[in-house]
């Protein structure tokens, strides 16, 4: 009989969720969640160039999050180089590299 009660309870929860009734406001998300996503826009980051898992993909490993380096600057392909990179971050942009936050490089220089 306990399994039947659980099934009925689960069906009731699904029905309420599907009804579109508004949920009561919950607490604000923790700060860590807010910082887990990059904000799109022009940024400057410092890190070390590393190869991505896909051929031709290069990442900038930073103390925070990795950035996928996109552009024609040869410095961004110098594996092991420590760089200061300026560019436009575009989180959520699909890439064939499937790693890091896409960063369209406007300037890259050794630190």
PDB file of N, CA and C in Angstrom:
ATOM      1  N   UNK A   1       0.823  -1.188   0.000  1.00  0.00           N
ATOM      2  CA  UNK A   1       0.000   0.000   0.000  1.00  0.00           C
ATOM      3  C   UNK A   1       0.862   1.244   0.000  1.00  0.00           C
ATOM      4  N   UNK A   2       2.090   1.199   0.602  1.00  0.00           N
ATOM      5  CA  UNK A   2       2.975   2.355   0.656  1.00  0.00           C
ATOM      6  C   UNK A   2       3.413   2.788  -0.737  1.00  0.00           C
ATOM      7  N   UNK A   3       3.633   1.820  -1.649  1.00  0.00           N
ATOM      8  CA  UNK A   3       4.041   2.147  -3.013  1.00  0.00           C
ATOM      9  C   UNK A   3       2.955   2.893  -3.755  1.00  0.00           C
ATOM     10  N   UNK A   4       1.705   2.524  -3.515  1.00  0.00           N
ATOM     11  CA  UNK A   4       0.576   3.187  -4.161  1.00  0.00           C
ATOM     12  C   UNK A   4       0.462   4.623  -3.668  1.00  0.00           C
ATOM     13  N   UNK A   5       0.653   4.844  -2.371  1.00  0.00           N
ATOM     14  CA  UNK A   5       0.604   6.213  -1.837  1.00  0.00           C
ATOM     15  C   UNK A   5       1.699   7.080  -2.461  1.00  0.00           C
ATOM     16  N   UNK A   6       2.876   6.523  -2.599  1.00  0.00           N
ATOM     17  CA  UNK A   6       3.983   7.247  -3.197  1.00  0.00           C
ATOM     18  C   UNK A   6       3.670   7.590  -4.654  1.00  0.00           C
ATOM     19  N   UNK A   7       3.080   6.665  -5.384  1.00  0.00           N
ATOM     20  CA  UNK A   7       2.711   6.899  -6.774  1.00  0.00           C
ATOM     21  C   UNK A   7       1.655   7.996  -6.873  1.00  0.00           C
ATOM     22  N   UNK A   8       0.657   7.983  -5.992  1.00  0.00           N
ATOM     23  CA  UNK A   8      -0.390   9.006  -5.990  1.00  0.00           C
ATOM     24  C   UNK A   8       0.207  10.368  -5.642  1.00  0.00           C
ATOM     25  N   UNK A   9       1.091  10.405  -4.666  1.00  0.00           N
ATOM     26  CA  UNK A   9       1.739  11.654  -4.284  1.00  0.00           C
ATOM     27  C   UNK A   9       2.572  12.207  -5.439  1.00  0.00           C
ATOM     28  N   UNK A  10       3.317  11.345  -6.123  1.00  0.00           N
ATOM     29  CA  UNK A  10       4.135  11.780  -7.254  1.00  0.00           C
ATOM     30  C   UNK A  10       3.255  12.324  -8.373  1.00  0.00           C
ATOM     31  N   UNK A  11       2.133  11.666  -8.657  1.00  0.00           N
ATOM     32  CA  UNK A  11       1.216  12.141  -9.690  1.00  0.00           C
ATOM     33  C   UNK A  11       0.635  13.496  -9.316  1.00  0.00           C
ATOM     34  N   UNK A  12       0.337  13.711  -8.042  1.00  0.00           N
ATOM     35  CA  UNK A  12      -0.199  14.999  -7.598  1.00  0.00           C
ATOM     36  C   UNK A  12       0.842  16.106  -7.773  1.00  0.00           C
ATOM     37  N   UNK A  13       2.082  15.811  -7.463  1.00  0.00           N
ATOM     38  CA  UNK A  13       3.149  16.809  -7.624  1.00  0.00           C
ATOM     39  C   UNK A  13       3.306  17.176  -9.095  1.00  0.00           C
ATOM     40  N   UNK A  14       3.286  16.182  -9.976  1.00  0.00           N
ATOM     41  CA  UNK A  14       3.410  16.439 -11.411  1.00  0.00           C
ATOM     42  C   UNK A  14       2.225  17.266 -11.899  1.00  0.00           C
ATOM     43  N   UNK A  15       1.021  16.965 -11.427  1.00  0.00           N
ATOM     44  CA  UNK A  15      -0.172  17.700 -11.842  1.00  0.00           C
ATOM     45  C   UNK A  15      -0.091  19.162 -11.403  1.00  0.00           C
ATOM     46  N   UNK A  16       0.355  19.422 -10.202  1.00  0.00           N
ATOM     47  CA  UNK A  16       0.475  20.797  -9.719  1.00  0.00           C
ATOM     48  C   UNK A  16       1.547  21.534 -10.522  1.00  0.00           C
ATOM     49  N   UNK A  17       2.668  20.886 -10.787  1.00  0.00           N
ATOM     50  CA  UNK A  17       3.750  21.520 -11.547  1.00  0.00           C
ATOM     51  C   UNK A  17       3.296  21.829 -12.965  1.00  0.00           C
ATOM     52  N   UNK A  18       2.525  20.935 -13.564  1.00  0.00           N
ATOM     53  CA  UNK A  18       2.064  21.134 -14.936  1.00  0.00           C
ATOM     54  C   UNK A  18       0.952  22.164 -15.031  1.00  0.00           C
ATOM     55  N   UNK A  19       0.287  22.461 -13.926  1.00  0.00           N
ATOM     56  CA  UNK A  19      -0.845  23.391 -13.965  1.00  0.00           C
ATOM     57  C   UNK A  19      -0.394  24.826 -14.178  1.00  0.00           C
ATOM     58  N   UNK A  20       0.891  25.091 -14.012  1.00  0.00           N
ATOM     59  CA  UNK A  20       1.402  26.430 -14.234  1.00  0.00           C
ATOM     60  C   UNK A  20       1.118  27.371 -13.083  1.00  0.00           C
ATOM     61  N   UNK A  21       0.707  26.845 -11.950  1.00  0.00           N
ATOM     62  CA  UNK A  21       0.444  27.730 -10.822  1.00  0.00           C
ATOM     63  C   UNK A  21       1.751  28.344 -10.366  1.00  0.00           C
ATOM     64  N   UNK A  22       1.735  29.637 -10.033  1.00  0.00           N
ATOM     65  CA  UNK A  22       2.981  30.299  -9.658  1.00  0.00           C
ATOM     66  C   UNK A  22       3.564  29.719  -8.383  1.00  0.00           C
ATOM     67  N   UNK A  23       4.869  29.661  -8.372  1.00  0.00           N
ATOM     68  CA  UNK A  23       5.578  29.169  -7.209  1.00  0.00           C
ATOM     69  C   UNK A  23       5.834  30.334  -6.265  1.00  0.00           C
ATOM     70  N   UNK A  24       5.799  30.108  -4.972  1.00  0.00           N
ATOM     71  CA  UNK A  24       6.125  31.197  -4.055  1.00  0.00           C
ATOM     72  C   UNK A  24       7.589  31.583  -4.235  1.00  0.00           C
ATOM     73  N   UNK A  25       7.899  32.874  -4.073  1.00  0.00           N
ATOM     74  CA  UNK A  25       9.303  33.275  -4.241  1.00  0.00           C
ATOM     75  C   UNK A  25      10.182  32.609  -3.205  1.00  0.00           C
ATOM     76  N   UNK A  26      11.315  32.138  -3.675  1.00  0.00           N
ATOM     77  CA  UNK A  26      12.261  31.486  -2.777  1.00  0.00           C
ATOM     78  C   UNK A  26      13.383  32.446  -2.416  1.00  0.00           C
ATOM     79  N   UNK A  27      14.328  31.978  -1.647  1.00  0.00           N
ATOM     80  CA  UNK A  27      15.455  32.832  -1.278  1.00  0.00           C
ATOM     81  C   UNK A  27      16.312  33.131  -2.510  1.00  0.00           C
ATOM     82  N   UNK A  28      17.036  34.218  -2.470  1.00  0.00           N
ATOM     83  CA  UNK A  28      17.930  34.589  -3.563  1.00  0.00           C
ATOM     84  C   UNK A  28      19.004  33.514  -3.712  1.00  0.00           C
ATOM     85  N   UNK A  29      19.447  33.257  -4.954  1.00  0.00           N
ATOM     86  CA  UNK A  29      20.482  32.242  -5.122  1.00  0.00           C
ATOM     87  C   UNK A  29      21.770  32.658  -4.431  1.00  0.00           C
ATOM     88  N   UNK A  30      22.554  31.679  -4.000  1.00  0.00           N
ATOM     89  CA  UNK A  30      23.814  32.017  -3.340  1.00  0.00           C
ATOM     90  C   UNK A  30      24.758  32.734  -4.301  1.00  0.00           C
ATOM     91  N   UNK A  31      25.678  33.472  -3.737  1.00  0.00           N
ATOM     92  CA  UNK A  31      26.632  34.257  -4.525  1.00  0.00           C
ATOM     93  C   UNK A  31      27.415  33.354  -5.475  1.00  0.00           C
ATOM     94  N   UNK A  32      27.753  32.138  -5.038  1.00  0.00           N
ATOM     95  CA  UNK A  32      28.529  31.239  -5.871  1.00  0.00           C
ATOM     96  C   UNK A  32      27.814  30.953  -7.185  1.00  0.00           C
ATOM     97  N   UNK A  33      26.499  30.812  -7.155  1.00  0.00           N
ATOM     98  CA  UNK A  33      25.736  30.540  -8.375  1.00  0.00           C
ATOM     99  C   UNK A  33      25.810  31.740  -9.308  1.00  0.00           C
ATOM    100  N   UNK A  34      25.689  32.940  -8.753  1.00  0.00           N
ATOM    101  CA  UNK A  34      25.726  34.145  -9.567  1.00  0.00           C
ATOM    102  C   UNK A  34      27.067  34.289 -10.271  1.00  0.00           C
ATOM    103  N   UNK A  35      28.152  33.821  -9.649  1.00  0.00           N
ATOM    104  CA  UNK A  35      29.474  33.965 -10.246  1.00  0.00           C
ATOM    105  C   UNK A  35      29.865  32.777 -11.105  1.00  0.00           C
ATOM    106  N   UNK A  36      29.031  31.776 -11.211  1.00  0.00           N
ATOM    107  CA  UNK A  36      29.407  30.615 -11.997  1.00  0.00           C
ATOM    108  C   UNK A  36      29.208  30.850 -13.487  1.00  0.00           C
ATOM    109  N   UNK A  37      28.535  31.919 -13.869  1.00  0.00           N
ATOM    110  CA  UNK A  37      28.331  32.246 -15.275  1.00  0.00           C
ATOM    111  C   UNK A  37      29.062  33.537 -15.603  1.00  0.00           C
ATOM    112  N   UNK A  38      29.700  33.546 -16.764  1.00  0.00           N
ATOM    113  CA  UNK A  38      30.398  34.758 -17.188  1.00  0.00           C
ATOM    114  C   UNK A  38      29.387  35.741 -17.751  1.00  0.00           C
ATOM    115  N   UNK A  39      29.674  36.989 -17.582  1.00  0.00           N
ATOM    116  CA  UNK A  39      28.828  38.039 -18.134  1.00  0.00           C
ATOM    117  C   UNK A  39      29.376  38.402 -19.503  1.00  0.00           C
ATOM    118  N   UNK A  40      28.515  38.440 -20.542  1.00  0.00           N
ATOM    119  CA  UNK A  40      29.028  38.782 -21.858  1.00  0.00           C
ATOM    120  C   UNK A  40      29.534  40.214 -21.875  1.00  0.00           C
ATOM    121  N   UNK A  41      30.507  40.466 -22.708  1.00  0.00           N
ATOM    122  CA  UNK A  41      31.021  41.814 -22.847  1.00  0.00           C
ATOM    123  C   UNK A  41      32.519  41.835 -22.942  1.00  0.00           C
ATOM    124  N   UNK A  42      33.068  43.043 -23.026  1.00  0.00           N
ATOM    125  CA  UNK A  42      34.506  43.227 -23.181  1.00  0.00           C
ATOM    126  C   UNK A  42      35.193  42.998 -21.832  1.00  0.00           C
ATOM    127  N   UNK A  43      36.165  42.079 -21.833  1.00  0.00           N
ATOM    128  CA  UNK A  43      36.865  41.742 -20.595  1.00  0.00           C
ATOM    129  C   UNK A  43      38.368  41.700 -20.831  1.00  0.00           C
ATOM    130  N   UNK A  44      39.113  41.726 -19.749  1.00  0.00           N
ATOM    131  CA  UNK A  44      40.563  41.526 -19.758  1.00  0.00           C
ATOM    132  C   UNK A  44      40.870  40.430 -18.752  1.00  0.00           C
ATOM    133  N   UNK A  45      41.596  39.399 -19.197  1.00  0.00           N
ATOM    134  CA  UNK A  45      41.941  38.278 -18.314  1.00  0.00           C
ATOM    135  C   UNK A  45      43.413  37.916 -18.485  1.00  0.00           C
ATOM    136  N   UNK A  46      43.969  37.337 -17.436  1.00  0.00           N
ATOM    137  CA  UNK A  46      45.360  36.881 -17.453  1.00  0.00           C
ATOM    138  C   UNK A  46      45.355  35.383 -17.199  1.00  0.00           C
ATOM    139  N   UNK A  47      46.144  34.660 -17.992  1.00  0.00           N
ATOM    140  CA  UNK A  47      46.209  33.225 -17.795  1.00  0.00           C
ATOM    141  C   UNK A  47      47.281  32.592 -18.658  1.00  0.00           C
ATOM    142  N   UNK A  48      47.256  31.262 -18.706  1.00  0.00           N
ATOM    143  CA  UNK A  48      48.236  30.480 -19.443  1.00  0.00           C
ATOM    144  C   UNK A  48      47.540  29.741 -20.577  1.00  0.00           C
ATOM    145  N   UNK A  49      48.138  29.784 -21.765  1.00  0.00           N
ATOM    146  CA  UNK A  49      47.574  29.128 -22.943  1.00  0.00           C
ATOM    147  C   UNK A  49      47.768  27.617 -22.829  1.00  0.00           C
ATOM    148  N   UNK A  50      46.706  26.878 -23.128  1.00  0.00           N
ATOM    149  CA  UNK A  50      46.744  25.410 -23.113  1.00  0.00           C
ATOM    150  C   UNK A  50      45.983  24.891 -24.330  1.00  0.00           C
ATOM    151  N   UNK A  51      46.335  23.691 -24.755  1.00  0.00           N
ATOM    152  CA  UNK A  51      45.595  23.054 -25.860  1.00  0.00           C
ATOM    153  C   UNK A  51      44.251  22.569 -25.345  1.00  0.00           C
ATOM    154  N   UNK A  52      43.245  22.681 -26.202  1.00  0.00           N
ATOM    155  CA  UNK A  52      41.949  22.099 -25.897  1.00  0.00           C
ATOM    156  C   UNK A  52      41.943  20.634 -26.275  1.00  0.00           C
ATOM    157  N   UNK A  53      40.851  19.944 -25.991  1.00  0.00           N
ATOM    158  CA  UNK A  53      40.780  18.523 -26.333  1.00  0.00           C
ATOM    159  C   UNK A  53      40.574  18.322 -27.830  1.00  0.00           C
ATOM    160  N   UNK A  54      39.975  19.286 -28.506  1.00  0.00           N
ATOM    161  CA  UNK A  54      39.774  19.197 -29.944  1.00  0.00           C
ATOM    162  C   UNK A  54      40.954  19.854 -30.657  1.00  0.00           C
ATOM    163  N   UNK A  55      41.328  19.318 -31.825  1.00  0.00           N
ATOM    164  CA  UNK A  55      42.441  19.870 -32.582  1.00  0.00           C
ATOM    165  C   UNK A  55      42.151  21.315 -32.990  1.00  0.00           C
ATOM    166  N   UNK A  56      43.150  22.188 -32.829  1.00  0.00           N
ATOM    167  CA  UNK A  56      43.009  23.582 -33.215  1.00  0.00           C
ATOM    168  C   UNK A  56      42.323  24.455 -32.180  1.00  0.00           C
ATOM    169  N   UNK A  57      42.024  23.916 -31.014  1.00  0.00           N
ATOM    170  CA  UNK A  57      41.363  24.675 -29.953  1.00  0.00           C
ATOM    171  C   UNK A  57      42.393  25.036 -28.876  1.00  0.00           C
ATOM    172  N   UNK A  58      42.358  26.304 -28.460  1.00  0.00           N
ATOM    173  CA  UNK A  58      43.285  26.793 -27.436  1.00  0.00           C
ATOM    174  C   UNK A  58      42.503  27.485 -26.334  1.00  0.00           C
ATOM    175  N   UNK A  59      42.900  27.192 -25.105  1.00  0.00           N
ATOM    176  CA  UNK A  59      42.232  27.753 -23.936  1.00  0.00           C
ATOM    177  C   UNK A  59      43.172  28.675 -23.189  1.00  0.00           C
ATOM    178  N   UNK A  60      42.596  29.645 -22.511  1.00  0.00           N
ATOM    179  CA  UNK A  60      43.349  30.451 -21.573  1.00  0.00           C
ATOM    180  C   UNK A  60      42.915  29.991 -20.193  1.00  0.00           C
ATOM    181  N   UNK A  61      43.823  29.325 -19.492  1.00  0.00           N
ATOM    182  CA  UNK A  61      43.534  28.848 -18.134  1.00  0.00           C
ATOM    183  C   UNK A  61      43.792  30.003 -17.180  1.00  0.00           C
ATOM    184  N   UNK A  62      42.758  30.402 -16.445  1.00  0.00           N
ATOM    185  CA  UNK A  62      42.859  31.500 -15.497  1.00  0.00           C
ATOM    186  C   UNK A  62      42.656  30.951 -14.094  1.00  0.00           C
ATOM    187  N   UNK A  63      42.751  31.809 -13.094  1.00  0.00           N
ATOM    188  CA  UNK A  63      42.509  31.361 -11.725  1.00  0.00           C
ATOM    189  C   UNK A  63      41.027  31.085 -11.499  1.00  0.00           C
ATOM    190  N   UNK A  64      40.172  31.571 -12.383  1.00  0.00           N
ATOM    191  CA  UNK A  64      38.737  31.360 -12.234  1.00  0.00           C
ATOM    192  C   UNK A  64      38.202  30.316 -13.190  1.00  0.00           C
ATOM    193  N   UNK A  65      37.977  30.702 -14.416  1.00  0.00           N
ATOM    194  CA  UNK A  65      37.366  29.822 -15.403  1.00  0.00           C
ATOM    195  C   UNK A  65      38.200  29.804 -16.674  1.00  0.00           C
ATOM    196  N   UNK A  66      38.099  28.737 -17.458  1.00  0.00           N
ATOM    197  CA  UNK A  66      38.844  28.697 -18.714  1.00  0.00           C
ATOM    198  C   UNK A  66      38.095  29.462 -19.812  1.00  0.00           C
ATOM    199  N   UNK A  67      38.852  30.088 -20.698  1.00  0.00           N
ATOM    200  CA  UNK A  67      38.283  30.801 -21.837  1.00  0.00           C
ATOM    201  C   UNK A  67      38.792  30.161 -23.118  1.00  0.00           C
ATOM    202  N   UNK A  68      37.911  29.970 -24.071  1.00  0.00           N
ATOM    203  CA  UNK A  68      38.267  29.473 -25.387  1.00  0.00           C
ATOM    204  C   UNK A  68      38.730  30.666 -26.208  1.00  0.00           C
ATOM    205  N   UNK A  69      39.986  30.628 -26.655  1.00  0.00           N
ATOM    206  CA  UNK A  69      40.565  31.757 -27.378  1.00  0.00           C
ATOM    207  C   UNK A  69      40.210  31.664 -28.858  1.00  0.00           C
ATOM    208  N   UNK A  70      39.538  32.687 -29.362  1.00  0.00           N
ATOM    209  CA  UNK A  70      39.102  32.714 -30.757  1.00  0.00           C
ATOM    210  C   UNK A  70      39.679  33.964 -31.411  1.00  0.00           C
ATOM    211  N   UNK A  71      40.404  33.769 -32.512  1.00  0.00           N
ATOM    212  CA  UNK A  71      40.977  34.899 -33.235  1.00  0.00           C
ATOM    213  C   UNK A  71      42.206  34.496 -34.019  1.00  0.00           C
ATOM    214  N   UNK A  72      42.787  35.476 -34.715  1.00  0.00           N
ATOM    215  CA  UNK A  72      43.929  35.218 -35.594  1.00  0.00           C
ATOM    216  C   UNK A  72      45.281  35.534 -34.960  1.00  0.00           C
ATOM    217  N   UNK A  73      45.301  36.071 -33.751  1.00  0.00           N
ATOM    218  CA  UNK A  73      46.550  36.459 -33.111  1.00  0.00           C
ATOM    219  C   UNK A  73      47.397  35.212 -32.848  1.00  0.00           C
ATOM    220  N   UNK A  74      48.631  35.126 -33.397  1.00  0.00           N
ATOM    221  CA  UNK A  74      49.459  33.934 -33.190  1.00  0.00           C
ATOM    222  C   UNK A  74      49.839  33.701 -31.728  1.00  0.00           C
ATOM    223  N   UNK A  75      49.855  34.754 -30.909  1.00  0.00           N
ATOM    224  CA  UNK A  75      50.201  34.584 -29.487  1.00  0.00           C
ATOM    225  C   UNK A  75      49.226  33.649 -28.767  1.00  0.00           C
ATOM    226  N   UNK A  76      47.973  33.583 -29.233  1.00  0.00           N
ATOM    227  CA  UNK A  76      46.982  32.756 -28.528  1.00  0.00           C
ATOM    228  C   UNK A  76      47.162  31.265 -28.816  1.00  0.00           C
ATOM    229  N   UNK A  77      48.129  30.926 -29.663  1.00  0.00           N
ATOM    230  CA  UNK A  77      48.419  29.519 -29.961  1.00  0.00           C
ATOM    231  C   UNK A  77      49.769  29.079 -29.395  1.00  0.00           C
ATOM    232  N   UNK A  78      50.377  29.917 -28.579  1.00  0.00           N
ATOM    233  CA  UNK A  78      51.677  29.630 -27.984  1.00  0.00           C
ATOM    234  C   UNK A  78      51.454  28.908 -26.646  1.00  0.00           C
ATOM    235  N   UNK A  79      51.330  27.579 -26.723  1.00  0.00           N
ATOM    236  CA  UNK A  79      51.030  26.773 -25.541  1.00  0.00           C
ATOM    237  C   UNK A  79      52.080  27.007 -24.456  1.00  0.00           C
ATOM    238  N   UNK A  80      51.603  27.282 -23.253  1.00  0.00           N
ATOM    239  CA  UNK A  80      52.472  27.536 -22.112  1.00  0.00           C
ATOM    240  C   UNK A  80      52.746  29.010 -21.882  1.00  0.00           C
ATOM    241  N   UNK A  81      52.412  29.858 -22.858  1.00  0.00           N
ATOM    242  CA  UNK A  81      52.654  31.299 -22.707  1.00  0.00           C
ATOM    243  C   UNK A  81      51.687  31.883 -21.689  1.00  0.00           C
ATOM    244  N   UNK A  82      52.191  32.788 -20.876  1.00  0.00           N
ATOM    245  CA  UNK A  82      51.352  33.518 -19.909  1.00  0.00           C
ATOM    246  C   UNK A  82      50.996  34.841 -20.572  1.00  0.00           C
ATOM    247  N   UNK A  83      49.673  35.068 -20.778  1.00  0.00           N
ATOM    248  CA  UNK A  83      49.199  36.215 -21.538  1.00  0.00           C
ATOM    249  C   UNK A  83      48.197  37.063 -20.769  1.00  0.00           C
ATOM    250  N   UNK A  84      48.125  38.325 -21.156  1.00  0.00           N
ATOM    251  CA  UNK A  84      47.013  39.180 -20.775  1.00  0.00           C
ATOM    252  C   UNK A  84      46.201  39.343 -22.067  1.00  0.00           C
ATOM    253  N   UNK A  85      44.936  38.983 -21.992  1.00  0.00           N
ATOM    254  CA  UNK A  85      44.089  38.937 -23.182  1.00  0.00           C
ATOM    255  C   UNK A  85      42.878  39.836 -22.991  1.00  0.00           C
ATOM    256  N   UNK A  86      42.604  40.626 -24.020  1.00  0.00           N
ATOM    257  CA  UNK A  86      41.397  41.452 -24.040  1.00  0.00           C
ATOM    258  C   UNK A  86      40.513  40.936 -25.157  1.00  0.00           C
ATOM    259  N   UNK A  87      39.208  40.973 -24.901  1.00  0.00           N
ATOM    260  CA  UNK A  87      38.297  40.512 -25.939  1.00  0.00           C
ATOM    261  C   UNK A  87      36.857  40.534 -25.469  1.00  0.00           C
ATOM    262  N   UNK A  88      36.006  39.997 -26.321  1.00  0.00           N
ATOM    263  CA  UNK A  88      34.575  39.942 -26.033  1.00  0.00           C
ATOM    264  C   UNK A  88      34.186  38.529 -25.621  1.00  0.00           C
ATOM    265  N   UNK A  89      33.746  38.381 -24.379  1.00  0.00           N
ATOM    266  CA  UNK A  89      33.280  37.081 -23.873  1.00  0.00           C
ATOM    267  C   UNK A  89      31.851  36.874 -24.345  1.00  0.00           C
ATOM    268  N   UNK A  90      31.585  35.680 -24.856  1.00  0.00           N
ATOM    269  CA  UNK A  90      30.242  35.345 -25.328  1.00  0.00           C
ATOM    270  C   UNK A  90      29.820  33.982 -24.794  1.00  0.00           C
ATOM    271  N   UNK A  91      29.491  33.936 -23.482  1.00  0.00           N
ATOM    272  CA  UNK A  91      29.070  32.659 -22.900  1.00  0.00           C
ATOM    273  C   UNK A  91      27.823  32.143 -23.592  1.00  0.00           C
ATOM    274  N   UNK A  92      27.757  30.847 -23.724  1.00  0.00           N
ATOM    275  CA  UNK A  92      26.589  30.225 -24.344  1.00  0.00           C
ATOM    276  C   UNK A  92      26.682  30.109 -25.853  1.00  0.00           C
ATOM    277  N   UNK A  93      27.718  30.699 -26.457  1.00  0.00           N
ATOM    278  CA  UNK A  93      27.891  30.597 -27.902  1.00  0.00           C
ATOM    279  C   UNK A  93      28.393  29.189 -28.226  1.00  0.00           C
ATOM    280  N   UNK A  94      27.697  28.460 -29.099  1.00  0.00           N
ATOM    281  CA  UNK A  94      28.159  27.111 -29.431  1.00  0.00           C
ATOM    282  C   UNK A  94      29.446  27.156 -30.262  1.00  0.00           C
ATOM    283  N   UNK A  95      30.359  26.232 -29.969  1.00  0.00           N
ATOM    284  CA  UNK A  95      31.618  26.120 -30.707  1.00  0.00           C
ATOM    285  C   UNK A  95      31.920  24.647 -30.958  1.00  0.00           C
ATOM    286  N   UNK A  96      32.796  24.390 -31.900  1.00  0.00           N
ATOM    287  CA  UNK A  96      33.206  23.004 -32.144  1.00  0.00           C
ATOM    288  C   UNK A  96      34.158  22.516 -31.060  1.00  0.00           C
ATOM    289  N   UNK A  97      34.758  23.439 -30.312  1.00  0.00           N
ATOM    290  CA  UNK A  97      35.704  23.063 -29.259  1.00  0.00           C
ATOM    291  C   UNK A  97      34.994  22.560 -28.001  1.00  0.00           C
ATOM    292  N   UNK A  98      33.825  23.062 -27.723  1.00  0.00           N
ATOM    293  CA  UNK A  98      33.001  22.636 -26.583  1.00  0.00           C
ATOM    294  C   UNK A  98      33.729  22.715 -25.246  1.00  0.00           C
ATOM    295  N   UNK A  99      34.613  23.694 -25.102  1.00  0.00           N
ATOM    296  CA  UNK A  99      35.338  23.902 -23.844  1.00  0.00           C
ATOM    297  C   UNK A  99      35.449  25.387 -23.590  1.00  0.00           C
ATOM    298  N   UNK A 100      35.383  25.783 -22.365  1.00  0.00           N
ATOM    299  CA  UNK A 100      35.624  27.165 -21.992  1.00  0.00           C
ATOM    300  C   UNK A 100      34.565  28.132 -22.489  1.00  0.00           C
ATOM    301  N   UNK A 101      34.670  29.345 -22.029  1.00  0.00           N
ATOM    302  CA  UNK A 101      33.778  30.422 -22.434  1.00  0.00           C
ATOM    303  C   UNK A 101      34.393  31.061 -23.676  1.00  0.00           C
ATOM    304  N   UNK A 102      33.676  31.095 -24.788  1.00  0.00           N
ATOM    305  CA  UNK A 102      34.238  31.697 -25.997  1.00  0.00           C
ATOM    306  C   UNK A 102      34.664  33.148 -25.755  1.00  0.00           C
ATOM    307  N   UNK A 103      35.922  33.458 -26.087  1.00  0.00           N
ATOM    308  CA  UNK A 103      36.475  34.790 -25.930  1.00  0.00           C
ATOM    309  C   UNK A 103      37.053  35.212 -27.275  1.00  0.00           C
ATOM    310  N   UNK A 104      36.385  36.165 -27.915  1.00  0.00           N
ATOM    311  CA  UNK A 104      36.824  36.687 -29.206  1.00  0.00           C
ATOM    312  C   UNK A 104      37.911  37.723 -28.926  1.00  0.00           C
ATOM    313  N   UNK A 105      39.154  37.334 -29.190  1.00  0.00           N
ATOM    314  CA  UNK A 105      40.331  38.111 -28.794  1.00  0.00           C
ATOM    315  C   UNK A 105      40.496  39.349 -29.670  1.00  0.00           C
ATOM    316  N   UNK A 106      40.656  40.508 -29.007  1.00  0.00           N
ATOM    317  CA  UNK A 106      40.979  41.750 -29.710  1.00  0.00           C
ATOM    318  C   UNK A 106      42.441  42.130 -29.496  1.00  0.00           C
ATOM    319  N   UNK A 107      43.050  41.636 -28.414  1.00  0.00           N
ATOM    320  CA  UNK A 107      44.456  41.934 -28.117  1.00  0.00           C
ATOM    321  C   UNK A 107      44.994  40.868 -27.170  1.00  0.00           C
ATOM    322  N   UNK A 108      46.212  40.382 -27.464  1.00  0.00           N
ATOM    323  CA  UNK A 108      46.878  39.406 -26.593  1.00  0.00           C
ATOM    324  C   UNK A 108      48.347  39.791 -26.502  1.00  0.00           C
ATOM    325  N   UNK A 109      48.860  39.858 -25.272  1.00  0.00           N
ATOM    326  CA  UNK A 109      50.260  40.229 -25.030  1.00  0.00           C
ATOM    327  C   UNK A 109      50.834  39.375 -23.910  1.00  0.00           C
ATOM    328  N   UNK A 110      52.141  39.114 -23.986  1.00  0.00           N
ATOM    329  CA  UNK A 110      52.784  38.391 -22.874  1.00  0.00           C
ATOM    330  C   UNK A 110      52.707  39.228 -21.590  1.00  0.00           C
ATOM    331  N   UNK A 111      52.592  38.535 -20.463  1.00  0.00           N
ATOM    332  CA  UNK A 111      52.540  39.221 -19.166  1.00  0.00           C
ATOM    333  C   UNK A 111      53.937  39.674 -18.799  1.00  0.00           C
TER     334      UNK A 111
END
